[in-house]
Amino acid sequence: MKIPPPLIALAGAGAIYAGGLWLPFATLQLPGQRIAALVCLIAGLVLELHSVAAFVLRKTTITPLKPERASVLVTRGFYRLTRNPMYLGMALLLAAVTLWTGSLTGLLIVPLFIAVLTELQIKPEEAALEQIFGDTYTLYKASVRRWI
């Protein structure tokens, strides 16, 4: 993939927001929606920050465009629950935008974001990590889910 995942998420957030503006008939307001948006926002930010910190502390690359530069396999913290907590955090942030705006376009954008990242980013990353870490990564992959 040539486009960093955070930029894809930002484009997705823009599309969700624009959908709410340009398609006002495709919005929905429910009780508790803003609270749910804040919960998703906080959860997404916690996942993002904690996951980046785990990479920084282990002194390995956080650059998703160059997975071959990974020097350490991070399996602690949220990486015990999901192999991709940074991407899951981005998906939660998109869900937060969807809930905050009430834009039903988010119901298309969030799953599309997950599908695009899975095919164009995660699967190539997994292949690179298998090359670098061999059986250690294969065992990790077998015991921890890709998303949740």
N, C-alpha and C. Protein backbone atom coordinates (compact mmCIF):
# COMPACT_ATOMS: atom_id res chain seq x y z
N MET A 1 0.85 -1.18 0.00
CA MET A 1 0.00 0.00 0.00
C MET A 1 0.89 1.24 0.00
N LYS A 2 0.51 2.20 -0.77
CA LYS A 2 1.29 3.43 -0.90
C LYS A 2 0.73 4.58 -0.06
N ILE A 3 -0.49 4.42 0.43
CA ILE A 3 -1.12 5.49 1.21
C ILE A 3 -1.14 5.07 2.68
N PRO A 4 -0.61 5.90 3.57
CA PRO A 4 -0.63 5.53 4.99
C PRO A 4 -2.06 5.34 5.50
N PRO A 5 -2.30 4.29 6.28
CA PRO A 5 -3.64 4.04 6.83
C PRO A 5 -4.27 5.23 7.55
N PRO A 6 -3.50 6.05 8.31
CA PRO A 6 -4.16 7.20 8.93
C PRO A 6 -4.77 8.17 7.90
N LEU A 7 -4.14 8.29 6.74
CA LEU A 7 -4.72 9.15 5.70
C LEU A 7 -6.00 8.55 5.12
N ILE A 8 -6.03 7.23 5.00
CA ILE A 8 -7.24 6.56 4.54
C ILE A 8 -8.36 6.77 5.55
N ALA A 9 -8.02 6.66 6.83
CA ALA A 9 -9.02 6.89 7.88
C ALA A 9 -9.50 8.34 7.85
N LEU A 10 -8.59 9.27 7.65
CA LEU A 10 -8.97 10.68 7.58
C LEU A 10 -9.90 10.93 6.39
N ALA A 11 -9.59 10.32 5.25
CA ALA A 11 -10.47 10.45 4.08
C ALA A 11 -11.84 9.84 4.38
N GLY A 12 -11.85 8.71 5.08
CA GLY A 12 -13.11 8.09 5.48
C GLY A 12 -13.92 8.99 6.39
N ALA A 13 -13.24 9.63 7.35
CA ALA A 13 -13.94 10.55 8.25
C ALA A 13 -14.53 11.72 7.47
N GLY A 14 -13.76 12.21 6.49
CA GLY A 14 -14.26 13.30 5.65
C GLY A 14 -15.48 12.87 4.85
N ALA A 15 -15.45 11.64 4.33
CA ALA A 15 -16.58 11.13 3.56
C ALA A 15 -17.82 10.97 4.44
N ILE A 16 -17.62 10.51 5.65
CA ILE A 16 -18.75 10.36 6.57
C ILE A 16 -19.35 11.74 6.90
N TYR A 17 -18.48 12.68 7.20
CA TYR A 17 -18.93 14.04 7.52
C TYR A 17 -19.65 14.66 6.33
N ALA A 18 -19.05 14.53 5.14
CA ALA A 18 -19.66 15.08 3.92
C ALA A 18 -21.01 14.43 3.65
N GLY A 19 -21.09 13.13 3.88
CA GLY A 19 -22.36 12.44 3.69
C GLY A 19 -23.45 13.02 4.56
N GLY A 20 -23.09 13.38 5.79
CA GLY A 20 -24.06 13.99 6.70
C GLY A 20 -24.51 15.36 6.21
N LEU A 21 -23.59 16.11 5.60
CA LEU A 21 -23.94 17.44 5.08
C LEU A 21 -24.73 17.37 3.78
N TRP A 22 -24.27 16.54 2.86
CA TRP A 22 -24.83 16.50 1.52
C TRP A 22 -26.06 15.61 1.40
N LEU A 23 -26.21 14.71 2.34
CA LEU A 23 -27.36 13.79 2.31
C LEU A 23 -28.11 13.86 3.64
N PRO A 24 -28.70 15.02 3.94
CA PRO A 24 -29.35 15.16 5.25
C PRO A 24 -30.47 14.16 5.48
N PHE A 25 -31.05 13.64 4.41
CA PHE A 25 -32.09 12.62 4.55
C PHE A 25 -31.49 11.28 4.99
N ALA A 26 -30.17 11.15 4.88
CA ALA A 26 -29.49 9.90 5.27
C ALA A 26 -28.77 10.09 6.60
N THR A 27 -29.44 10.74 7.52
CA THR A 27 -28.89 10.90 8.87
C THR A 27 -29.92 10.37 9.87
N LEU A 28 -29.41 10.06 11.03
CA LEU A 28 -30.27 9.48 12.06
C LEU A 28 -29.82 10.02 13.41
N GLN A 29 -30.74 10.42 14.23
CA GLN A 29 -30.44 10.88 15.58
C GLN A 29 -31.19 10.01 16.58
N LEU A 30 -30.45 9.38 17.46
CA LEU A 30 -31.04 8.50 18.47
C LEU A 30 -30.61 8.95 19.86
N PRO A 31 -31.38 8.64 20.88
CA PRO A 31 -30.97 8.96 22.25
C PRO A 31 -29.64 8.25 22.57
N GLY A 32 -28.76 8.98 23.21
CA GLY A 32 -27.49 8.39 23.63
C GLY A 32 -26.44 8.30 22.52
N GLN A 33 -26.77 8.78 21.36
CA GLN A 33 -25.87 8.67 20.22
C GLN A 33 -24.55 9.41 20.46
N ARG A 34 -24.62 10.59 21.00
CA ARG A 34 -23.40 11.38 21.24
C ARG A 34 -22.55 10.74 22.33
N ILE A 35 -23.18 10.14 23.31
CA ILE A 35 -22.42 9.45 24.36
C ILE A 35 -21.70 8.25 23.76
N ALA A 36 -22.40 7.50 22.91
CA ALA A 36 -21.77 6.36 22.23
C ALA A 36 -20.61 6.83 21.36
N ALA A 37 -20.77 7.99 20.73
CA ALA A 37 -19.69 8.55 19.91
C ALA A 37 -18.47 8.86 20.78
N LEU A 38 -18.70 9.43 21.95
CA LEU A 38 -17.59 9.75 22.85
C LEU A 38 -16.90 8.49 23.36
N VAL A 39 -17.68 7.46 23.63
CA VAL A 39 -17.10 6.18 24.06
C VAL A 39 -16.20 5.62 22.95
N CYS A 40 -16.69 5.63 21.71
CA CYS A 40 -15.88 5.15 20.58
C CYS A 40 -14.64 6.02 20.39
N LEU A 41 -14.79 7.32 20.54
CA LEU A 41 -13.66 8.24 20.40
C LEU A 41 -12.58 7.94 21.44
N ILE A 42 -12.99 7.82 22.68
CA ILE A 42 -12.02 7.56 23.75
C ILE A 42 -11.37 6.19 23.56
N ALA A 43 -12.16 5.18 23.27
CA ALA A 43 -11.61 3.83 23.05
C ALA A 43 -10.63 3.83 21.87
N GLY A 44 -11.00 4.50 20.78
CA GLY A 44 -10.11 4.56 19.62
C GLY A 44 -8.81 5.27 19.94
N LEU A 45 -8.88 6.38 20.65
CA LEU A 45 -7.67 7.11 21.01
C LEU A 45 -6.79 6.32 21.96
N VAL A 46 -7.40 5.65 22.93
CA VAL A 46 -6.63 4.82 23.86
C VAL A 46 -5.90 3.71 23.11
N LEU A 47 -6.62 3.02 22.22
CA LEU A 47 -6.00 1.97 21.41
C LEU A 47 -4.84 2.53 20.60
N GLU A 48 -5.07 3.63 19.92
CA GLU A 48 -4.03 4.24 19.09
C GLU A 48 -2.80 4.61 19.91
N LEU A 49 -2.99 5.38 20.95
CA LEU A 49 -1.86 5.89 21.74
C LEU A 49 -1.10 4.77 22.44
N HIS A 50 -1.83 3.85 23.03
CA HIS A 50 -1.18 2.74 23.73
C HIS A 50 -0.40 1.87 22.75
N SER A 51 -0.95 1.63 21.58
CA SER A 51 -0.31 0.76 20.59
C SER A 51 0.93 1.40 20.00
N VAL A 52 0.85 2.69 19.70
CA VAL A 52 2.04 3.40 19.21
C VAL A 52 3.11 3.41 20.29
N ALA A 53 2.72 3.67 21.53
CA ALA A 53 3.68 3.67 22.63
C ALA A 53 4.36 2.32 22.78
N ALA A 54 3.62 1.24 22.59
CA ALA A 54 4.21 -0.11 22.68
C ALA A 54 5.31 -0.28 21.64
N PHE A 55 5.09 0.21 20.43
CA PHE A 55 6.11 0.13 19.38
C PHE A 55 7.32 0.99 19.71
N VAL A 56 7.06 2.21 20.20
CA VAL A 56 8.15 3.12 20.55
C VAL A 56 8.98 2.54 21.68
N LEU A 57 8.34 2.01 22.70
CA LEU A 57 9.06 1.42 23.83
C LEU A 57 9.91 0.22 23.41
N ARG A 58 9.44 -0.53 22.45
CA ARG A 58 10.20 -1.70 21.96
C ARG A 58 11.19 -1.32 20.86
N LYS A 59 11.22 -0.04 20.52
CA LYS A 59 12.16 0.50 19.53
C LYS A 59 12.04 -0.19 18.16
N THR A 60 10.80 -0.32 17.70
CA THR A 60 10.56 -0.88 16.37
C THR A 60 9.74 0.12 15.58
N THR A 61 9.70 -0.05 14.29
CA THR A 61 9.04 0.91 13.42
C THR A 61 7.52 0.91 13.56
N ILE A 62 6.95 2.10 13.49
CA ILE A 62 5.49 2.21 13.46
C ILE A 62 5.02 2.53 12.05
N THR A 63 5.95 2.60 11.11
CA THR A 63 5.62 2.93 9.73
C THR A 63 4.97 1.74 9.04
N PRO A 64 3.66 1.83 8.75
CA PRO A 64 2.97 0.68 8.16
C PRO A 64 3.36 0.43 6.70
N LEU A 65 3.99 1.41 6.06
CA LEU A 65 4.35 1.25 4.66
C LEU A 65 5.63 0.44 4.48
N LYS A 66 6.35 0.20 5.58
CA LYS A 66 7.60 -0.55 5.53
C LYS A 66 7.63 -1.63 6.61
N PRO A 67 6.74 -2.63 6.55
CA PRO A 67 6.71 -3.65 7.60
C PRO A 67 8.00 -4.46 7.68
N GLU A 68 8.76 -4.49 6.60
CA GLU A 68 10.02 -5.23 6.62
C GLU A 68 11.06 -4.60 7.54
N ARG A 69 10.81 -3.39 8.00
CA ARG A 69 11.72 -2.72 8.94
C ARG A 69 11.46 -3.11 10.39
N ALA A 70 10.46 -3.94 10.63
CA ALA A 70 10.14 -4.35 12.00
C ALA A 70 11.32 -5.10 12.60
N SER A 71 11.70 -4.71 13.79
CA SER A 71 12.83 -5.35 14.46
C SER A 71 12.39 -6.20 15.65
N VAL A 72 11.17 -5.97 16.12
CA VAL A 72 10.64 -6.69 17.28
C VAL A 72 9.16 -6.98 17.01
N LEU A 73 8.73 -8.17 17.38
CA LEU A 73 7.31 -8.51 17.30
C LEU A 73 6.64 -8.10 18.61
N VAL A 74 5.74 -7.15 18.53
CA VAL A 74 5.06 -6.64 19.73
C VAL A 74 3.81 -7.49 19.96
N THR A 75 3.76 -8.14 21.14
CA THR A 75 2.64 -9.03 21.46
C THR A 75 2.03 -8.73 22.83
N ARG A 76 2.44 -7.64 23.43
CA ARG A 76 1.93 -7.28 24.76
C ARG A 76 0.86 -6.21 24.65
N GLY A 77 0.24 -5.92 25.78
CA GLY A 77 -0.79 -4.89 25.80
C GLY A 77 -1.98 -5.30 24.95
N PHE A 78 -2.49 -4.37 24.18
CA PHE A 78 -3.64 -4.65 23.33
C PHE A 78 -3.31 -5.68 22.24
N TYR A 79 -2.03 -5.87 21.97
CA TYR A 79 -1.61 -6.85 20.96
C TYR A 79 -1.87 -8.28 21.42
N ARG A 80 -2.25 -8.47 22.68
CA ARG A 80 -2.67 -9.79 23.17
C ARG A 80 -4.10 -10.09 22.73
N LEU A 81 -4.87 -9.02 22.41
CA LEU A 81 -6.28 -9.16 22.08
C LEU A 81 -6.57 -9.06 20.59
N THR A 82 -5.76 -8.29 19.89
CA THR A 82 -5.93 -8.08 18.46
C THR A 82 -4.56 -7.83 17.84
N ARG A 83 -4.36 -8.36 16.64
CA ARG A 83 -3.07 -8.16 15.96
C ARG A 83 -2.95 -6.75 15.39
N ASN A 84 -4.05 -6.04 15.33
CA ASN A 84 -4.06 -4.73 14.69
C ASN A 84 -4.78 -3.66 15.52
N PRO A 85 -4.31 -3.41 16.73
CA PRO A 85 -5.03 -2.44 17.55
C PRO A 85 -4.99 -1.02 16.99
N MET A 86 -3.92 -0.67 16.26
CA MET A 86 -3.89 0.68 15.67
C MET A 86 -5.00 0.83 14.64
N TYR A 87 -5.17 -0.18 13.80
CA TYR A 87 -6.21 -0.11 12.77
C TYR A 87 -7.60 -0.21 13.39
N LEU A 88 -7.72 -1.02 14.43
CA LEU A 88 -8.99 -1.11 15.15
C LEU A 88 -9.33 0.24 15.78
N GLY A 89 -8.31 0.91 16.32
CA GLY A 89 -8.52 2.25 16.87
C GLY A 89 -9.02 3.22 15.81
N MET A 90 -8.45 3.13 14.60
CA MET A 90 -8.91 3.99 13.51
C MET A 90 -10.36 3.68 13.14
N ALA A 91 -10.71 2.41 13.11
CA ALA A 91 -12.09 2.03 12.81
C ALA A 91 -13.04 2.57 13.88
N LEU A 92 -12.62 2.53 15.14
CA LEU A 92 -13.45 3.08 16.22
C LEU A 92 -13.60 4.60 16.08
N LEU A 93 -12.53 5.27 15.64
CA LEU A 93 -12.63 6.71 15.42
C LEU A 93 -13.62 7.02 14.29
N LEU A 94 -13.60 6.20 13.24
CA LEU A 94 -14.59 6.37 12.17
C LEU A 94 -16.01 6.11 12.68
N ALA A 95 -16.15 5.12 13.55
CA ALA A 95 -17.46 4.86 14.15
C ALA A 95 -17.89 6.06 15.00
N ALA A 96 -16.93 6.69 15.68
CA ALA A 96 -17.25 7.87 16.48
C ALA A 96 -17.77 9.00 15.60
N VAL A 97 -17.13 9.22 14.46
CA VAL A 97 -17.59 10.26 13.53
C VAL A 97 -19.00 9.92 13.02
N THR A 98 -19.21 8.65 12.71
CA THR A 98 -20.52 8.20 12.24
C THR A 98 -21.59 8.49 13.29
N LEU A 99 -21.32 8.12 14.51
CA LEU A 99 -22.31 8.33 15.58
C LEU A 99 -22.50 9.82 15.88
N TRP A 100 -21.43 10.58 15.90
CA TRP A 100 -21.52 12.00 16.24
C TRP A 100 -22.36 12.75 15.21
N THR A 101 -22.11 12.45 13.92
CA THR A 101 -22.81 13.16 12.85
C THR A 101 -24.17 12.54 12.54
N GLY A 102 -24.35 11.28 12.90
CA GLY A 102 -25.57 10.57 12.55
C GLY A 102 -25.63 10.20 11.08
N SER A 103 -24.51 10.35 10.39
CA SER A 103 -24.46 10.10 8.95
C SER A 103 -24.48 8.60 8.66
N LEU A 104 -25.50 8.17 7.96
CA LEU A 104 -25.61 6.75 7.62
C LEU A 104 -24.58 6.31 6.60
N THR A 105 -23.88 7.27 5.97
CA THR A 105 -22.80 6.89 5.05
C THR A 105 -21.70 6.15 5.81
N GLY A 106 -21.60 6.39 7.09
CA GLY A 106 -20.63 5.68 7.92
C GLY A 106 -20.87 4.18 7.94
N LEU A 107 -22.13 3.79 7.74
CA LEU A 107 -22.44 2.36 7.70
C LEU A 107 -21.82 1.69 6.48
N LEU A 108 -21.46 2.46 5.49
CA LEU A 108 -20.73 1.96 4.32
C LEU A 108 -19.22 2.17 4.48
N ILE A 109 -18.85 3.34 4.97
CA ILE A 109 -17.44 3.72 5.04
C ILE A 109 -16.66 2.87 6.03
N VAL A 110 -17.19 2.61 7.22
CA VAL A 110 -16.44 1.85 8.23
C VAL A 110 -16.14 0.43 7.74
N PRO A 111 -17.13 -0.34 7.25
CA PRO A 111 -16.80 -1.67 6.73
C PRO A 111 -15.87 -1.61 5.51
N LEU A 112 -16.02 -0.58 4.68
CA LEU A 112 -15.14 -0.43 3.53
C LEU A 112 -13.70 -0.19 3.99
N PHE A 113 -13.54 0.66 4.99
CA PHE A 113 -12.22 0.91 5.57
C PHE A 113 -11.59 -0.38 6.06
N ILE A 114 -12.37 -1.19 6.78
CA ILE A 114 -11.87 -2.46 7.31
C ILE A 114 -11.48 -3.40 6.17
N ALA A 115 -12.31 -3.49 5.15
CA ALA A 115 -12.02 -4.39 4.02
C ALA A 115 -10.79 -3.94 3.25
N VAL A 116 -10.69 -2.63 2.98
CA VAL A 116 -9.53 -2.11 2.23
C VAL A 116 -8.25 -2.33 3.02
N LEU A 117 -8.27 -2.00 4.32
CA LEU A 117 -7.06 -2.20 5.12
C LEU A 117 -6.69 -3.67 5.22
N THR A 118 -7.67 -4.53 5.36
CA THR A 118 -7.38 -5.96 5.46
C THR A 118 -6.68 -6.45 4.20
N GLU A 119 -7.22 -6.11 3.04
CA GLU A 119 -6.67 -6.62 1.78
C GLU A 119 -5.37 -5.93 1.37
N LEU A 120 -5.33 -4.62 1.48
CA LEU A 120 -4.19 -3.87 0.93
C LEU A 120 -3.08 -3.58 1.92
N GLN A 121 -3.36 -3.67 3.20
CA GLN A 121 -2.34 -3.36 4.20
C GLN A 121 -2.04 -4.55 5.11
N ILE A 122 -3.05 -5.10 5.74
CA ILE A 122 -2.81 -6.11 6.77
C ILE A 122 -2.26 -7.41 6.18
N LYS A 123 -2.87 -7.91 5.12
CA LYS A 123 -2.38 -9.17 4.55
C LYS A 123 -0.93 -9.07 4.07
N PRO A 124 -0.53 -7.98 3.38
CA PRO A 124 0.89 -7.84 3.05
C PRO A 124 1.79 -7.70 4.28
N GLU A 125 1.30 -6.98 5.30
CA GLU A 125 2.07 -6.88 6.55
C GLU A 125 2.27 -8.26 7.17
N GLU A 126 1.21 -9.06 7.18
CA GLU A 126 1.31 -10.40 7.76
C GLU A 126 2.35 -11.24 7.02
N ALA A 127 2.36 -11.15 5.71
CA ALA A 127 3.34 -11.90 4.92
C ALA A 127 4.75 -11.44 5.25
N ALA A 128 4.95 -10.14 5.38
CA ALA A 128 6.27 -9.61 5.72
C ALA A 128 6.69 -10.05 7.12
N LEU A 129 5.77 -10.02 8.06
CA LEU A 129 6.10 -10.42 9.43
C LEU A 129 6.39 -11.92 9.52
N GLU A 130 5.72 -12.72 8.72
CA GLU A 130 6.03 -14.15 8.68
C GLU A 130 7.45 -14.38 8.15
N GLN A 131 7.84 -13.59 7.18
CA GLN A 131 9.20 -13.69 6.64
C GLN A 131 10.23 -13.33 7.70
N ILE A 132 9.95 -12.28 8.46
CA ILE A 132 10.91 -11.78 9.45
C ILE A 132 10.95 -12.66 10.69
N PHE A 133 9.79 -13.00 11.24
CA PHE A 133 9.72 -13.65 12.54
C PHE A 133 9.38 -15.14 12.49
N GLY A 134 9.08 -15.67 11.32
CA GLY A 134 8.87 -17.10 11.13
C GLY A 134 7.80 -17.70 12.02
N ASP A 135 8.18 -18.81 12.68
CA ASP A 135 7.23 -19.56 13.51
C ASP A 135 6.68 -18.74 14.68
N THR A 136 7.48 -17.83 15.18
CA THR A 136 7.01 -16.99 16.29
C THR A 136 5.78 -16.21 15.85
N TYR A 137 5.84 -15.63 14.66
CA TYR A 137 4.68 -14.88 14.17
C TYR A 137 3.53 -15.82 13.81
N THR A 138 3.85 -16.96 13.23
CA THR A 138 2.80 -17.92 12.86
C THR A 138 2.01 -18.37 14.09
N LEU A 139 2.70 -18.63 15.19
CA LEU A 139 2.02 -19.01 16.43
C LEU A 139 1.20 -17.85 16.98
N TYR A 140 1.76 -16.66 16.94
CA TYR A 140 1.04 -15.47 17.40
C TYR A 140 -0.23 -15.28 16.56
N LYS A 141 -0.08 -15.40 15.26
CA LYS A 141 -1.20 -15.23 14.32
C LYS A 141 -2.30 -16.27 14.60
N ALA A 142 -1.91 -17.45 14.96
CA ALA A 142 -2.88 -18.51 15.23
C ALA A 142 -3.62 -18.29 16.56
N SER A 143 -3.03 -17.53 17.46
CA SER A 143 -3.64 -17.37 18.79
C SER A 143 -4.31 -16.02 19.04
N VAL A 144 -4.08 -15.05 18.13
CA VAL A 144 -4.67 -13.72 18.32
C VAL A 144 -5.39 -13.32 17.03
N ARG A 145 -6.60 -12.85 17.17
CA ARG A 145 -7.42 -12.49 16.00
C ARG A 145 -6.85 -11.28 15.27
N ARG A 146 -7.18 -11.21 13.98
CA ARG A 146 -6.72 -10.10 13.15
C ARG A 146 -7.34 -8.77 13.61
N TRP A 147 -8.63 -8.75 13.83
CA TRP A 147 -9.32 -7.53 14.24
C TRP A 147 -9.76 -7.64 15.70
N ILE A 148 -10.86 -8.34 15.97
CA ILE A 148 -11.29 -8.53 17.37
C ILE A 148 -11.90 -9.90 17.52
